[in-house]
Structures are given as structure tokens and as C-alpha cells.
C-alpha atoms as a PDB file:
ATOM      1  CA  MET A   1     -20.660 -92.179  31.568  1.00  0.00           C
ATOM      2  CA  ALA A   2     -19.418 -94.298  34.483  1.00  0.00           C
ATOM      3  CA  LEU A   3     -21.465 -94.160  37.640  1.00  0.00           C
ATOM      4  CA  PRO A   4     -19.558 -94.057  40.911  1.00  0.00           C
ATOM      5  CA  GLU A   5     -19.744 -96.985  43.330  1.00  0.00           C
ATOM      6  CA  PRO A   6     -22.221 -95.903  46.035  1.00  0.00           C
ATOM      7  CA  GLN A   7     -20.399 -95.545  49.351  1.00  0.00           C
ATOM      8  CA  GLY A   8     -21.083 -93.781  52.618  1.00  0.00           C
ATOM      9  CA  GLY A   9     -19.824 -90.202  52.514  1.00  0.00           C
ATOM     10  CA  LEU A  10     -20.056 -89.808  48.730  1.00  0.00           C
ATOM     11  CA  VAL A  11     -21.893 -86.620  47.714  1.00  0.00           C
ATOM     12  CA  VAL A  12     -24.042 -87.050  44.597  1.00  0.00           C
ATOM     13  CA  SER A  13     -26.373 -84.882  42.533  1.00  0.00           C
ATOM     14  CA  TYR A  14     -29.935 -86.043  43.143  1.00  0.00           C
ATOM     15  CA  ALA A  15     -33.542 -84.853  42.653  1.00  0.00           C
ATOM     16  CA  TYR A  16     -34.412 -85.039  46.354  1.00  0.00           C
ATOM     17  CA  LEU A  17     -38.076 -85.322  47.369  1.00  0.00           C
ATOM     18  CA  TRP A  18     -38.615 -83.588  50.703  1.00  0.00           C
ATOM     19  CA  ARG A  19     -41.018 -85.141  53.189  1.00  0.00           C
ATOM     20  CA  HIS A  20     -43.384 -82.161  53.012  1.00  0.00           C
ATOM     21  CA  GLU A  21     -43.414 -82.411  49.201  1.00  0.00           C
ATOM     22  CA  SER A  22     -44.247 -86.116  49.379  1.00  0.00           C
ATOM     23  CA  GLU A  23     -46.994 -85.503  51.930  1.00  0.00           C
ATOM     24  CA  ALA A  24     -48.447 -82.827  49.607  1.00  0.00           C
ATOM     25  CA  GLY A  25     -48.761 -85.454  46.857  1.00  0.00           C
ATOM     26  CA  GLN A  26     -45.666 -84.662  44.781  1.00  0.00           C
ATOM     27  CA  ILE A  27     -43.933 -87.672  43.316  1.00  0.00           C
ATOM     28  CA  GLU A  28     -40.704 -86.019  42.109  1.00  0.00           C
ATOM     29  CA  GLY A  29     -38.257 -83.635  43.702  1.00  0.00           C
ATOM     30  CA  VAL A  30     -38.483 -80.043  42.491  1.00  0.00           C
ATOM     31  CA  LYS A  31     -34.757 -79.319  42.582  1.00  0.00           C
ATOM     32  CA  ASN A  32     -31.594 -81.273  41.907  1.00  0.00           C
ATOM     33  CA  ARG A  33     -29.267 -80.861  44.841  1.00  0.00           C
ATOM     34  CA  PRO A  34     -26.166 -82.335  46.385  1.00  0.00           C
ATOM     35  CA  CYS A  35     -27.014 -85.210  48.707  1.00  0.00           C
ATOM     36  CA  ALA A  36     -24.715 -87.252  50.906  1.00  0.00           C
ATOM     37  CA  ILE A  37     -24.933 -91.028  50.824  1.00  0.00           C
ATOM     38  CA  VAL A  38     -25.292 -92.003  54.474  1.00  0.00           C
ATOM     39  CA  LEU A  39     -25.861 -95.719  53.902  1.00  0.00           C
ATOM     40  CA  ALA A  40     -25.337 -98.164  51.029  1.00  0.00           C
ATOM     41  CA  VAL A  41     -26.422-101.772  51.598  1.00  0.00           C
ATOM     42  CA  ARG A  42     -25.727-104.533  49.079  1.00  0.00           C
ATOM     43  CA  ARG A  43     -28.353-107.255  48.854  1.00  0.00           C
ATOM     44  CA  GLU A  44     -27.163-110.449  47.172  1.00  0.00           C
ATOM     45  CA  GLY A  45     -29.527-112.787  45.317  1.00  0.00           C
ATOM     46  CA  VAL A  46     -32.200-110.186  44.599  1.00  0.00           C
ATOM     47  CA  THR A  47     -33.897-109.699  41.249  1.00  0.00           C
ATOM     48  CA  PRO A  48     -34.038-105.918  40.759  1.00  0.00           C
ATOM     49  CA  ALA A  49     -37.399-104.453  39.759  1.00  0.00           C
ATOM     50  CA  GLN A  50     -35.506-101.977  37.598  1.00  0.00           C
ATOM     51  CA  GLY A  51     -32.275-102.255  35.695  1.00  0.00           C
ATOM     52  CA  GLY A  52     -33.171-104.842  33.076  1.00  0.00           C
ATOM     53  CA  ALA A  53     -32.115-108.043  34.850  1.00  0.00           C
ATOM     54  CA  ALA A  54     -33.155-111.175  32.961  1.00  0.00           C
ATOM     55  CA  ALA A  55     -36.258-112.916  34.308  1.00  0.00           C
ATOM     56  CA  GLY A  56     -35.375-115.274  37.123  1.00  0.00           C
ATOM     57  CA  LYS A  57     -31.748-114.165  37.260  1.00  0.00           C
ATOM     58  CA  SER A  58     -30.421-113.215  40.679  1.00  0.00           C
ATOM     59  CA  ASP A  59     -28.286-110.144  40.968  1.00  0.00           C
ATOM     60  CA  THR A  60     -26.815-107.783  43.507  1.00  0.00           C
ATOM     61  CA  LEU A  61     -28.942-104.794  44.401  1.00  0.00           C
ATOM     62  CA  THR A  62     -27.588-101.815  46.333  1.00  0.00           C
ATOM     63  CA  ILE A  63     -30.051 -99.827  48.429  1.00  0.00           C
ATOM     64  CA  VAL A  64     -28.846 -96.273  49.035  1.00  0.00           C
ATOM     65  CA  THR A  65     -30.005 -93.757  51.640  1.00  0.00           C
ATOM     66  CA  VAL A  66     -29.235 -90.092  50.947  1.00  0.00           C
ATOM     67  CA  ALA A  67     -29.403 -86.977  53.125  1.00  0.00           C
ATOM     68  CA  PRO A  68     -30.151 -83.647  51.431  1.00  0.00           C
ATOM     69  CA  ILE A  69     -27.792 -80.696  51.495  1.00  0.00           C
ATOM     70  CA  THR A  70     -29.494 -77.305  51.694  1.00  0.00           C
ATOM     71  CA  HIS A  71     -28.725 -73.600  52.083  1.00  0.00           C
ATOM     72  CA  THR A  72     -31.746 -73.177  54.375  1.00  0.00           C
ATOM     73  CA  PRO A  73     -30.725 -73.066  58.036  1.00  0.00           C
ATOM     74  CA  PRO A  74     -32.359 -75.871  60.045  1.00  0.00           C
ATOM     75  CA  HIS A  75     -35.220 -75.130  62.440  1.00  0.00           C
ATOM     76  CA  ASP A  76     -33.568 -77.451  64.956  1.00  0.00           C
ATOM     77  CA  PRO A  77     -29.752 -77.358  64.907  1.00  0.00           C
ATOM     78  CA  ASN A  78     -29.672 -80.901  66.368  1.00  0.00           C
ATOM     79  CA  THR A  79     -31.132 -82.277  63.122  1.00  0.00           C
ATOM     80  CA  ALA A  80     -28.465 -80.903  60.784  1.00  0.00           C
ATOM     81  CA  MET A  81     -24.733 -80.441  60.442  1.00  0.00           C
ATOM     82  CA  GLU A  82     -23.196 -77.391  58.819  1.00  0.00           C
ATOM     83  CA  ILE A  83     -20.652 -78.168  56.125  1.00  0.00           C
ATOM     84  CA  PRO A  84     -17.387 -76.295  56.705  1.00  0.00           C
ATOM     85  CA  ALA A  85     -16.339 -73.916  53.908  1.00  0.00           C
ATOM     86  CA  LYS A  86     -13.155 -75.920  53.313  1.00  0.00           C
ATOM     87  CA  VAL A  87     -15.188 -79.109  52.726  1.00  0.00           C
ATOM     88  CA  LYS A  88     -17.565 -77.283  50.374  1.00  0.00           C
ATOM     89  CA  GLN A  89     -14.590 -75.994  48.412  1.00  0.00           C
ATOM     90  CA  HIS A  90     -13.094 -79.520  48.253  1.00  0.00           C
ATOM     91  CA  LEU A  91     -16.415 -80.838  46.853  1.00  0.00           C
ATOM     92  CA  GLY A  92     -16.726 -78.004  44.326  1.00  0.00           C
ATOM     93  CA  LEU A  93     -19.904 -76.619  45.917  1.00  0.00           C
ATOM     94  CA  ASP A  94     -20.763 -72.927  46.160  1.00  0.00           C
ATOM     95  CA  SER A  95     -19.493 -70.683  48.960  1.00  0.00           C
ATOM     96  CA  GLU A  96     -22.870 -70.134  50.674  1.00  0.00           C
ATOM     97  CA  ARG A  97     -23.484 -71.733  54.062  1.00  0.00           C
ATOM     98  CA  SER A  98     -24.987 -75.226  53.748  1.00  0.00           C
ATOM     99  CA  TRP A  99     -26.258 -77.956  56.040  1.00  0.00           C
ATOM    100  CA  ILE A 100     -26.691 -81.702  55.719  1.00  0.00           C
ATOM    101  CA  ILE A 101     -30.138 -82.583  57.034  1.00  0.00           C
ATOM    102  CA  LEU A 102     -29.945 -85.596  59.357  1.00  0.00           C
ATOM    103  CA  ASP A 103     -33.563 -86.416  60.166  1.00  0.00           C
ATOM    104  CA  GLU A 104     -35.066 -87.071  56.725  1.00  0.00           C
ATOM    105  CA  PHE A 105     -33.800 -89.207  53.877  1.00  0.00           C
ATOM    106  CA  ASN A 106     -34.649 -90.685  50.477  1.00  0.00           C
ATOM    107  CA  GLU A 107     -33.969 -94.384  49.944  1.00  0.00           C
ATOM    108  CA  PHE A 108     -33.677 -96.041  46.521  1.00  0.00           C
ATOM    109  CA  ALA A 109     -32.131 -98.863  44.528  1.00  0.00           C
ATOM    110  CA  TRP A 110     -28.882 -97.579  42.998  1.00  0.00           C
ATOM    111  CA  PRO A 111     -28.654 -95.781  40.647  1.00  0.00           C
ATOM    112  CA  GLY A 112     -32.363 -94.993  40.711  1.00  0.00           C
ATOM    113  CA  PHE A 113     -34.368 -92.615  38.574  1.00  0.00           C
ATOM    114  CA  ASP A 114     -33.446 -89.414  40.412  1.00  0.00           C
ATOM    115  CA  LEU A 115     -29.640 -89.421  40.175  1.00  0.00           C
ATOM    116  CA  ARG A 116     -28.647 -86.372  38.095  1.00  0.00           C
ATOM    117  CA  PRO A 117     -25.498 -85.120  36.382  1.00  0.00           C
ATOM    118  CA  ILE A 118     -23.648 -82.340  38.153  1.00  0.00           C
ATOM    119  CA  PRO A 119     -24.492 -78.945  36.613  1.00  0.00           C
ATOM    120  CA  GLY A 120     -21.963 -78.187  33.883  1.00  0.00           C
ATOM    121  CA  LYS A 121     -20.522 -81.723  33.971  1.00  0.00           C
ATOM    122  CA  PRO A 122     -22.973 -83.954  32.058  1.00  0.00           C
ATOM    123  CA  SER A 123     -20.922 -87.130  32.482  1.00  0.00           C
ATOM    124  CA  ARG A 124     -20.334 -86.799  36.229  1.00  0.00           C
ATOM    125  CA  TYR A 125     -22.827 -87.638  39.005  1.00  0.00           C
ATOM    126  CA  HIS A 126     -20.749 -87.126  42.140  1.00  0.00           C
ATOM    127  CA  TYR A 127     -18.914 -84.244  43.783  1.00  0.00           C
ATOM    128  CA  GLY A 128     -16.547 -86.311  45.916  1.00  0.00           C
ATOM    129  CA  PHE A 129     -16.362 -87.620  49.467  1.00  0.00           C
ATOM    130  CA  LEU A 130     -16.973 -85.960  52.800  1.00  0.00           C
ATOM    131  CA  PRO A 131     -13.964 -86.208  55.101  1.00  0.00           C
ATOM    132  CA  PRO A 132     -14.056 -89.539  57.029  1.00  0.00           C
ATOM    133  CA  THR A 133     -14.193 -87.801  60.436  1.00  0.00           C
ATOM    134  CA  MET A 134     -17.165 -85.686  59.340  1.00  0.00           C
ATOM    135  CA  TYR A 135     -18.933 -88.734  57.889  1.00  0.00           C
ATOM    136  CA  ARG A 136     -18.498 -90.621  61.192  1.00  0.00           C
ATOM    137  CA  MET A 137     -19.942 -87.646  63.107  1.00  0.00           C
ATOM    138  CA  ILE A 138     -22.925 -87.582  60.732  1.00  0.00           C
ATOM    139  CA  VAL A 139     -23.587 -91.302  61.245  1.00  0.00           C
ATOM    140  CA  GLU A 140     -23.351 -90.926  65.042  1.00  0.00           C
ATOM    141  CA  ARG A 141     -25.829 -88.032  64.997  1.00  0.00           C
ATOM    142  CA  ILE A 142     -28.237 -89.954  62.720  1.00  0.00           C
ATOM    143  CA  LEU A 143     -28.098 -92.985  65.022  1.00  0.00           C
ATOM    144  CA  GLU A 144     -28.912 -90.767  68.004  1.00  0.00           C
ATOM    145  CA  LEU A 145     -31.868 -89.186  66.151  1.00  0.00           C
ATOM    146  CA  ARG A 146     -33.023 -92.674  65.168  1.00  0.00           C
ATOM    147  CA  ARG A 147     -32.936 -93.791  68.823  1.00  0.00           C
ATOM    148  CA  GLN A 148     -35.134 -90.766  69.565  1.00  0.00           C
ATOM    149  CA  ARG A 149     -37.479 -91.815  66.732  1.00  0.00           C
ATOM    150  CA  ARG A 150     -36.915 -88.495  64.951  1.00  0.00           C
ATOM    151  CA  VAL A 151     -35.890 -89.882  61.547  1.00  0.00           C
ATOM    152  CA  HIS A 152     -38.090 -90.161  58.450  1.00  0.00           C
ATOM    153  CA  VAL A 153     -37.124 -92.213  55.375  1.00  0.00           C
ATOM    154  CA  SER A 154     -39.018 -91.810  52.087  1.00  0.00           C
ATOM    155  CA  PRO A 155     -38.745 -94.817  49.761  1.00  0.00           C
ATOM    156  CA  ARG A 156     -38.264 -93.569  46.175  1.00  0.00           C
ATOM    157  CA  ASP A 157     -38.669 -96.780  44.176  1.00  0.00           C
ATOM    158  CA  GLU A 158     -42.428 -97.012  44.526  1.00  0.00           C
END
């Protein structure tokens, strides 16, 4: 089972913990769902808390931020982007309408505890990449929401 290299635009299967679930005291996501990696940052010279690095040994740690994909239409259309049917088909997702939520995220050290195999494909954790143009539009919208202080990030390594 080879894990994919975490990169912006990669859609993975992940047990996403929604903000309202976290605020209600839940510590694990209820449902595995596709999530888009919106940011992957490599930190050199860090000793990971997880992953079995030898004591005192420096390593590279990748911190990943994922946005959930949901069938539920957003309350505010400015905080989500609908995924075109053609993109969903390319990723192997269902044919129902879906949105990438752009104002709440989970952040974790890759691969983390909540990465899940794709249903029906136990050795595969990713669906594929969003088109580059769509990924750039997502990043631009997230940056605008961040400037407006409308973004919430839930750390998942705690």
C-alpha cells in the first residue's frame, strides 16, 4: 500500500471532523469522505510526534490542510465551490451534486490517523487531482475568505 505524495489539488479519502462536531465534543469524524488537499507544507528538521522516528533524529514532516467535499448545498455560496460533473466523473466520485467547502479545514501531519482507503479499493487512498485551473480558483477564494477572517482550521493531531 503506497501512500500518495501530498500535493495541493489531490483528493483523498479522509474521516473529516466538522467544526460543529468538534465543538460538540466529538474527537473523530463520523463519515469518511473525499477531501481536497488545499495546502501541503514540508517542515525540515522536525522530529515527528507520530510515525516512529528514532529519538533525537530529525526528519521531514508534511503538514496537510484538507477541505471537505459534501453533497449538502452550502448556506453561503461564497464559502463553497461546486464540483463540475465532468470533474467528479474524472475523480470517480458519484453523480450527485457536490461542493468543496472553503471556510473550514482539518490540518494534520501526513499521513495522519484519519486517512482512509477509498471504498472498494483497500490499497488506494486518493481519487486523483482537481484540474489545475479549478485548484487555483479554490486557493484564490480561500485566500479571500482568510482576508475576511471567515476561515476555521481544526488541528487533528492533538
